[in-house]
Amino acid sequence: MRDTSGFWFANRQFMWIYSNIGDSARAMKYRRNLYELAKTFPNEKRFQNFMEMSSRFLGQYFLNKDQLDSASFYLSQSYRIAKTFFPNSQIMSFSTSSWGNYHLKLQQYDSALWYYKLSNFYASADLGNDMIIGNHLAMAHVYLLKDKVDSAFVSANKALFEARSIPDTLDMIDAAKMVATVFEKTKQWDSAFNYLKKSEELQNRMAIQENKQCQ
């Protein structure tokens, strides 16, 4: 069992590598490997997280490809496992956030917001800062789609606050851009420019640090 779980984690690493370099075909191959491996694990609680993650990874892939029936099938499986075996946990946070993305894709904005908020509730229990930031940014986007600019501004600022508290440069860049977008929506051009400038400064600083590491 130990060798099989190690093989599962190795496949997950390859999935992430190919996803990051944009090779979706090979990334999909490893997603399917994860799912097939997870099906061979014993039907015990301590192994259910393998099937939850494998289902969620497939669901997210199909969601990004707009294959909504397949996305719904795998995300439903992820959510059922998370709710049954891992209530009030970080796993529930990942699963409900994915459901938020699903409803956003369907333009069911109120449902999307509900799942993002639920995800943050579970993430808060485990101090899942990255998840919280991502959910706040997603909520800001949804609020803009609903033309609720004040709520969008609140969510974007919460994302920026969380990113600064870690600190996480990439998240700070994304959050600053979202705040700028909100200001653009309200035609507050000076404020929008200031936050765009902050995001560019962070990007330049990160590029300099990466160059130094490569030398």
C-alpha atoms as a PDB file:
ATOM      1  CA  MET A   1       0.000   0.000   0.000  1.00  0.00           C
ATOM      2  CA  ARG A   2       2.881   2.317   0.831  1.00  0.00           C
ATOM      3  CA  ASP A   3       4.382   1.838  -2.648  1.00  0.00           C
ATOM      4  CA  THR A   4       1.013   2.469  -4.300  1.00  0.00           C
ATOM      5  CA  SER A   5       0.402   5.699  -2.391  1.00  0.00           C
ATOM      6  CA  GLY A   6       3.931   6.831  -3.227  1.00  0.00           C
ATOM      7  CA  PHE A   7       3.234   6.115  -6.888  1.00  0.00           C
ATOM      8  CA  TRP A   8       0.030   8.159  -6.584  1.00  0.00           C
ATOM      9  CA  PHE A   9       1.959  11.170  -5.244  1.00  0.00           C
ATOM     10  CA  ALA A  10       4.555  10.792  -8.007  1.00  0.00           C
ATOM     11  CA  ASN A  11       1.785  10.885 -10.616  1.00  0.00           C
ATOM     12  CA  ARG A  12       0.335  13.968  -8.953  1.00  0.00           C
ATOM     13  CA  GLN A  13       3.707  15.680  -9.209  1.00  0.00           C
ATOM     14  CA  PHE A  14       3.899  14.911 -12.929  1.00  0.00           C
ATOM     15  CA  MET A  15       0.331  16.193 -13.356  1.00  0.00           C
ATOM     16  CA  TRP A  16       1.316  19.521 -11.793  1.00  0.00           C
ATOM     17  CA  ILE A  17       4.490  19.771 -13.876  1.00  0.00           C
ATOM     18  CA  TYR A  18       2.692  19.236 -17.168  1.00  0.00           C
ATOM     19  CA  SER A  19      -0.159  21.520 -16.116  1.00  0.00           C
ATOM     20  CA  ASN A  20       2.309  24.297 -15.320  1.00  0.00           C
ATOM     21  CA  ILE A  21       4.028  24.031 -18.701  1.00  0.00           C
ATOM     22  CA  GLY A  22       0.696  23.950 -20.532  1.00  0.00           C
ATOM     23  CA  ASP A  23       0.823  20.334 -21.745  1.00  0.00           C
ATOM     24  CA  SER A  24      -2.833  19.555 -21.028  1.00  0.00           C
ATOM     25  CA  ALA A  25      -2.821  16.184 -22.805  1.00  0.00           C
ATOM     26  CA  ARG A  26      -0.068  14.735 -20.627  1.00  0.00           C
ATOM     27  CA  ALA A  27      -1.500  16.397 -17.530  1.00  0.00           C
ATOM     28  CA  MET A  28      -4.822  14.701 -18.289  1.00  0.00           C
ATOM     29  CA  LYS A  29      -3.049  11.346 -18.618  1.00  0.00           C
ATOM     30  CA  TYR A  30      -1.741  11.682 -15.071  1.00  0.00           C
ATOM     31  CA  ARG A  31      -5.114  12.859 -13.779  1.00  0.00           C
ATOM     32  CA  ARG A  32      -6.637   9.633 -15.085  1.00  0.00           C
ATOM     33  CA  ASN A  33      -3.768   7.646 -13.571  1.00  0.00           C
ATOM     34  CA  LEU A  34      -4.521   9.206 -10.192  1.00  0.00           C
ATOM     35  CA  TYR A  35      -8.175   8.281 -10.444  1.00  0.00           C
ATOM     36  CA  GLU A  36      -7.498   4.685 -11.458  1.00  0.00           C
ATOM     37  CA  LEU A  37      -4.917   4.281  -8.696  1.00  0.00           C
ATOM     38  CA  ALA A  38      -7.294   5.723  -6.096  1.00  0.00           C
ATOM     39  CA  LYS A  39      -9.892   3.105  -7.028  1.00  0.00           C
ATOM     40  CA  THR A  40      -7.463   0.353  -5.991  1.00  0.00           C
ATOM     41  CA  PHE A  41      -7.023   1.672  -2.453  1.00  0.00           C
ATOM     42  CA  PRO A  42      -8.857   0.027   0.479  1.00  0.00           C
ATOM     43  CA  ASN A  43     -12.307   1.389   1.288  1.00  0.00           C
ATOM     44  CA  GLU A  44     -11.159   3.014   4.519  1.00  0.00           C
ATOM     45  CA  LYS A  45     -11.438   6.603   5.672  1.00  0.00           C
ATOM     46  CA  ARG A  46      -7.675   7.179   5.672  1.00  0.00           C
ATOM     47  CA  PHE A  47      -7.569   6.455   1.935  1.00  0.00           C
ATOM     48  CA  GLN A  48     -10.664   8.406   0.901  1.00  0.00           C
ATOM     49  CA  ASN A  49      -8.706  11.623   0.430  1.00  0.00           C
ATOM     50  CA  PHE A  50      -6.938  10.014  -2.557  1.00  0.00           C
ATOM     51  CA  MET A  51     -10.262   9.492  -4.345  1.00  0.00           C
ATOM     52  CA  GLU A  52     -11.509  12.953  -3.319  1.00  0.00           C
ATOM     53  CA  MET A  53      -8.464  14.659  -4.809  1.00  0.00           C
ATOM     54  CA  SER A  54      -8.450  12.469  -7.917  1.00  0.00           C
ATOM     55  CA  SER A  55     -12.129  13.244  -8.556  1.00  0.00           C
ATOM     56  CA  ARG A  56     -11.603  16.961  -7.947  1.00  0.00           C
ATOM     57  CA  PHE A  57      -8.624  17.142 -10.312  1.00  0.00           C
ATOM     58  CA  LEU A  58     -10.659  15.516 -13.087  1.00  0.00           C
ATOM     59  CA  GLY A  59     -13.645  17.744 -12.340  1.00  0.00           C
ATOM     60  CA  GLN A  60     -11.527  20.879 -12.548  1.00  0.00           C
ATOM     61  CA  TYR A  61     -10.037  19.735 -15.859  1.00  0.00           C
ATOM     62  CA  PHE A  62     -13.430  19.116 -17.432  1.00  0.00           C
ATOM     63  CA  LEU A  63     -14.708  22.407 -16.034  1.00  0.00           C
ATOM     64  CA  ASN A  64     -11.865  24.289 -17.710  1.00  0.00           C
ATOM     65  CA  LYS A  65     -12.712  22.492 -20.953  1.00  0.00           C
ATOM     66  CA  ASP A  66     -16.418  23.454 -20.609  1.00  0.00           C
ATOM     67  CA  GLN A  67     -17.397  19.782 -20.431  1.00  0.00           C
ATOM     68  CA  LEU A  68     -19.918  20.505 -17.724  1.00  0.00           C
ATOM     69  CA  ASP A  69     -21.609  17.106 -17.428  1.00  0.00           C
ATOM     70  CA  SER A  70     -18.287  15.403 -16.774  1.00  0.00           C
ATOM     71  CA  ALA A  71     -17.242  18.219 -14.452  1.00  0.00           C
ATOM     72  CA  SER A  72     -20.451  17.833 -12.458  1.00  0.00           C
ATOM     73  CA  PHE A  73     -19.971  14.065 -12.156  1.00  0.00           C
ATOM     74  CA  TYR A  74     -16.460  14.249 -10.718  1.00  0.00           C
ATOM     75  CA  LEU A  75     -16.986  17.356  -8.593  1.00  0.00           C
ATOM     76  CA  SER A  76     -20.113  15.747  -7.095  1.00  0.00           C
ATOM     77  CA  GLN A  77     -18.022  12.726  -6.181  1.00  0.00           C
ATOM     78  CA  SER A  78     -15.377  14.952  -4.627  1.00  0.00           C
ATOM     79  CA  TYR A  79     -17.983  16.822  -2.592  1.00  0.00           C
ATOM     80  CA  ARG A  80     -19.736  13.641  -1.417  1.00  0.00           C
ATOM     81  CA  ILE A  81     -16.471  12.119  -0.191  1.00  0.00           C
ATOM     82  CA  ALA A  82     -15.371  15.355   1.491  1.00  0.00           C
ATOM     83  CA  LYS A  83     -18.704  15.844   3.253  1.00  0.00           C
ATOM     84  CA  THR A  84     -18.934  12.202   4.347  1.00  0.00           C
ATOM     85  CA  PHE A  85     -15.392  11.571   5.538  1.00  0.00           C
ATOM     86  CA  PHE A  86     -13.785  14.992   6.088  1.00  0.00           C
ATOM     87  CA  PRO A  87     -16.405  17.468   7.377  1.00  0.00           C
ATOM     88  CA  ASN A  88     -15.107  20.755   8.789  1.00  0.00           C
ATOM     89  CA  SER A  89     -11.731  20.298   7.125  1.00  0.00           C
ATOM     90  CA  GLN A  90      -9.404  21.807   4.546  1.00  0.00           C
ATOM     91  CA  ILE A  91     -10.584  19.126   2.134  1.00  0.00           C
ATOM     92  CA  MET A  92     -14.097  20.553   2.307  1.00  0.00           C
ATOM     93  CA  SER A  93     -12.619  23.953   1.499  1.00  0.00           C
ATOM     94  CA  PHE A  94     -11.061  22.694  -1.737  1.00  0.00           C
ATOM     95  CA  SER A  95     -14.191  20.818  -2.769  1.00  0.00           C
ATOM     96  CA  THR A  96     -16.621  23.674  -2.130  1.00  0.00           C
ATOM     97  CA  SER A  97     -14.364  26.180  -3.898  1.00  0.00           C
ATOM     98  CA  SER A  98     -14.432  23.934  -6.964  1.00  0.00           C
ATOM     99  CA  TRP A  99     -18.224  23.936  -6.771  1.00  0.00           C
ATOM    100  CA  GLY A 100     -18.078  27.725  -6.679  1.00  0.00           C
ATOM    101  CA  ASN A 101     -16.117  27.659  -9.929  1.00  0.00           C
ATOM    102  CA  TYR A 102     -18.672  25.284 -11.426  1.00  0.00           C
ATOM    103  CA  HIS A 103     -21.603  27.563 -10.632  1.00  0.00           C
ATOM    104  CA  LEU A 104     -19.653  30.581 -11.856  1.00  0.00           C
ATOM    105  CA  LYS A 105     -19.193  28.811 -15.192  1.00  0.00           C
ATOM    106  CA  LEU A 106     -22.975  28.295 -15.307  1.00  0.00           C
ATOM    107  CA  GLN A 107     -23.465  32.001 -14.487  1.00  0.00           C
ATOM    108  CA  GLN A 108     -25.287  30.987 -11.307  1.00  0.00           C
ATOM    109  CA  TYR A 109     -23.691  33.797  -9.383  1.00  0.00           C
ATOM    110  CA  ASP A 110     -25.546  33.541  -6.066  1.00  0.00           C
ATOM    111  CA  SER A 111     -24.720  29.829  -5.820  1.00  0.00           C
ATOM    112  CA  ALA A 112     -21.101  30.546  -6.722  1.00  0.00           C
ATOM    113  CA  LEU A 113     -20.853  33.131  -3.949  1.00  0.00           C
ATOM    114  CA  TRP A 114     -22.408  30.736  -1.448  1.00  0.00           C
ATOM    115  CA  TYR A 115     -19.849  28.034  -2.190  1.00  0.00           C
ATOM    116  CA  TYR A 116     -16.911  30.460  -2.098  1.00  0.00           C
ATOM    117  CA  LYS A 117     -18.051  31.723   1.294  1.00  0.00           C
ATOM    118  CA  LEU A 118     -18.500  28.151   2.514  1.00  0.00           C
ATOM    119  CA  SER A 119     -15.012  27.326   1.286  1.00  0.00           C
ATOM    120  CA  ASN A 120     -13.575  30.235   3.247  1.00  0.00           C
ATOM    121  CA  PHE A 121     -15.401  29.038   6.362  1.00  0.00           C
ATOM    122  CA  TYR A 122     -13.640  25.686   6.157  1.00  0.00           C
ATOM    123  CA  ALA A 123     -10.327  27.225   5.090  1.00  0.00           C
ATOM    124  CA  SER A 124     -10.352  29.565   8.081  1.00  0.00           C
ATOM    125  CA  ALA A 125     -10.430  26.588  10.424  1.00  0.00           C
ATOM    126  CA  ASP A 126      -7.130  25.314   8.989  1.00  0.00           C
ATOM    127  CA  LEU A 127      -5.583  28.721   8.231  1.00  0.00           C
ATOM    128  CA  GLY A 128      -5.736  28.098   4.497  1.00  0.00           C
ATOM    129  CA  ASN A 129      -4.545  31.533   3.416  1.00  0.00           C
ATOM    130  CA  ASP A 130      -4.051  30.701  -0.273  1.00  0.00           C
ATOM    131  CA  MET A 131      -7.549  29.303  -0.521  1.00  0.00           C
ATOM    132  CA  ILE A 132      -9.021  32.298   1.297  1.00  0.00           C
ATOM    133  CA  ILE A 133      -7.258  34.731  -1.043  1.00  0.00           C
ATOM    134  CA  GLY A 134      -8.398  32.857  -4.134  1.00  0.00           C
ATOM    135  CA  ASN A 135     -11.972  32.755  -2.912  1.00  0.00           C
ATOM    136  CA  HIS A 136     -12.023  36.473  -2.123  1.00  0.00           C
ATOM    137  CA  LEU A 137     -10.693  37.248  -5.604  1.00  0.00           C
ATOM    138  CA  ALA A 138     -13.325  34.977  -7.147  1.00  0.00           C
ATOM    139  CA  MET A 139     -16.041  36.667  -5.092  1.00  0.00           C
ATOM    140  CA  ALA A 140     -14.828  40.095  -6.173  1.00  0.00           C
ATOM    141  CA  HIS A 141     -15.098  38.945  -9.783  1.00  0.00           C
ATOM    142  CA  VAL A 142     -18.631  37.637  -9.234  1.00  0.00           C
ATOM    143  CA  TYR A 143     -19.706  40.841  -7.491  1.00  0.00           C
ATOM    144  CA  LEU A 144     -18.464  42.840 -10.471  1.00  0.00           C
ATOM    145  CA  LEU A 145     -20.505  40.610 -12.771  1.00  0.00           C
ATOM    146  CA  LYS A 146     -23.519  41.348 -10.561  1.00  0.00           C
ATOM    147  CA  ASP A 147     -22.634  45.069 -10.679  1.00  0.00           C
ATOM    148  CA  LYS A 148     -22.175  45.152  -6.898  1.00  0.00           C
ATOM    149  CA  VAL A 149     -19.075  47.301  -6.876  1.00  0.00           C
ATOM    150  CA  ASP A 150     -18.971  47.997  -3.128  1.00  0.00           C
ATOM    151  CA  SER A 151     -19.022  44.282  -2.335  1.00  0.00           C
ATOM    152  CA  ALA A 152     -16.377  43.667  -4.985  1.00  0.00           C
ATOM    153  CA  PHE A 153     -14.158  46.293  -3.378  1.00  0.00           C
ATOM    154  CA  VAL A 154     -14.544  44.685   0.062  1.00  0.00           C
ATOM    155  CA  SER A 155     -13.656  41.215  -1.258  1.00  0.00           C
ATOM    156  CA  ALA A 156     -10.688  42.498  -3.278  1.00  0.00           C
ATOM    157  CA  ASN A 157      -9.314  44.336  -0.262  1.00  0.00           C
ATOM    158  CA  LYS A 158      -9.718  41.260   1.919  1.00  0.00           C
ATOM    159  CA  ALA A 159      -7.695  39.311  -0.633  1.00  0.00           C
ATOM    160  CA  LEU A 160      -4.984  41.981  -0.606  1.00  0.00           C
ATOM    161  CA  PHE A 161      -4.896  42.046   3.205  1.00  0.00           C
ATOM    162  CA  GLU A 162      -4.525  38.262   3.408  1.00  0.00           C
ATOM    163  CA  ALA A 163      -1.816  38.257   0.723  1.00  0.00           C
ATOM    164  CA  ARG A 164       0.175  40.917   2.574  1.00  0.00           C
ATOM    165  CA  SER A 165      -0.162  39.059   5.868  1.00  0.00           C
ATOM    166  CA  ILE A 166       1.607  35.939   4.529  1.00  0.00           C
ATOM    167  CA  PRO A 167       3.280  37.650   2.536  1.00  0.00           C
ATOM    168  CA  ASP A 168       2.736  36.144  -0.935  1.00  0.00           C
ATOM    169  CA  THR A 169       3.947  38.222  -3.883  1.00  0.00           C
ATOM    170  CA  LEU A 170       1.908  36.453  -6.575  1.00  0.00           C
ATOM    171  CA  ASP A 171      -1.285  36.788  -4.556  1.00  0.00           C
ATOM    172  CA  MET A 172      -0.493  40.431  -3.826  1.00  0.00           C
ATOM    173  CA  ILE A 173      -0.107  41.054  -7.568  1.00  0.00           C
ATOM    174  CA  ASP A 174      -3.455  39.408  -8.353  1.00  0.00           C
ATOM    175  CA  ALA A 175      -5.211  41.214  -5.513  1.00  0.00           C
ATOM    176  CA  ALA A 176      -3.777  44.614  -6.481  1.00  0.00           C
ATOM    177  CA  LYS A 177      -4.954  44.072 -10.056  1.00  0.00           C
ATOM    178  CA  MET A 178      -8.430  43.206  -8.835  1.00  0.00           C
ATOM    179  CA  VAL A 179      -8.592  46.340  -6.674  1.00  0.00           C
ATOM    180  CA  ALA A 180      -7.502  48.341  -9.725  1.00  0.00           C
ATOM    181  CA  THR A 181     -10.258  46.717 -11.772  1.00  0.00           C
ATOM    182  CA  VAL A 182     -12.837  47.746  -9.182  1.00  0.00           C
ATOM    183  CA  PHE A 183     -11.607  51.338  -9.281  1.00  0.00           C
ATOM    184  CA  GLU A 184     -11.749  51.280 -13.075  1.00  0.00           C
ATOM    185  CA  LYS A 185     -15.357  50.150 -12.842  1.00  0.00           C
ATOM    186  CA  THR A 186     -16.175  53.251 -10.805  1.00  0.00           C
ATOM    187  CA  LYS A 187     -14.019  55.498 -13.029  1.00  0.00           C
ATOM    188  CA  GLN A 188     -11.633  56.325 -10.171  1.00  0.00           C
ATOM    189  CA  TRP A 189      -8.720  56.455 -12.572  1.00  0.00           C
ATOM    190  CA  ASP A 190      -6.053  57.746 -10.174  1.00  0.00           C
ATOM    191  CA  SER A 191      -6.704  54.979  -7.657  1.00  0.00           C
ATOM    192  CA  ALA A 192      -6.839  52.363 -10.411  1.00  0.00           C
ATOM    193  CA  PHE A 193      -3.498  53.591 -11.758  1.00  0.00           C
ATOM    194  CA  ASN A 194      -1.911  53.478  -8.295  1.00  0.00           C
ATOM    195  CA  TYR A 195      -2.867  49.845  -7.751  1.00  0.00           C
ATOM    196  CA  LEU A 196      -1.773  48.866 -11.235  1.00  0.00           C
ATOM    197  CA  LYS A 197       1.537  50.560 -10.506  1.00  0.00           C
ATOM    198  CA  LYS A 198       1.836  48.575  -7.263  1.00  0.00           C
ATOM    199  CA  SER A 199       1.188  45.324  -9.127  1.00  0.00           C
ATOM    200  CA  GLU A 200       3.865  46.198 -11.716  1.00  0.00           C
ATOM    201  CA  GLU A 201       6.363  47.061  -8.990  1.00  0.00           C
ATOM    202  CA  LEU A 202       5.717  43.700  -7.338  1.00  0.00           C
ATOM    203  CA  GLN A 203       6.136  41.911 -10.661  1.00  0.00           C
ATOM    204  CA  ASN A 204       9.443  43.675 -11.315  1.00  0.00           C
ATOM    205  CA  ARG A 205      10.676  42.903  -7.804  1.00  0.00           C
ATOM    206  CA  MET A 206       9.771  39.235  -8.203  1.00  0.00           C
ATOM    207  CA  ALA A 207      11.524  39.079 -11.592  1.00  0.00           C
ATOM    208  CA  ILE A 208      14.695  40.540 -10.083  1.00  0.00           C
ATOM    209  CA  GLN A 209      14.634  37.979  -7.258  1.00  0.00           C
ATOM    210  CA  GLU A 210      14.150  35.132  -9.722  1.00  0.00           C
ATOM    211  CA  ASN A 211      17.047  36.342 -11.839  1.00  0.00           C
ATOM    212  CA  LYS A 212      19.308  36.444  -8.800  1.00  0.00           C
ATOM    213  CA  GLN A 213      18.360  32.878  -7.909  1.00  0.00           C
ATOM    214  CA  CYS A 214      19.242  31.712 -11.420  1.00  0.00           C
ATOM    215  CA  GLN A 215      22.713  33.296 -11.368  1.00  0.00           C
END
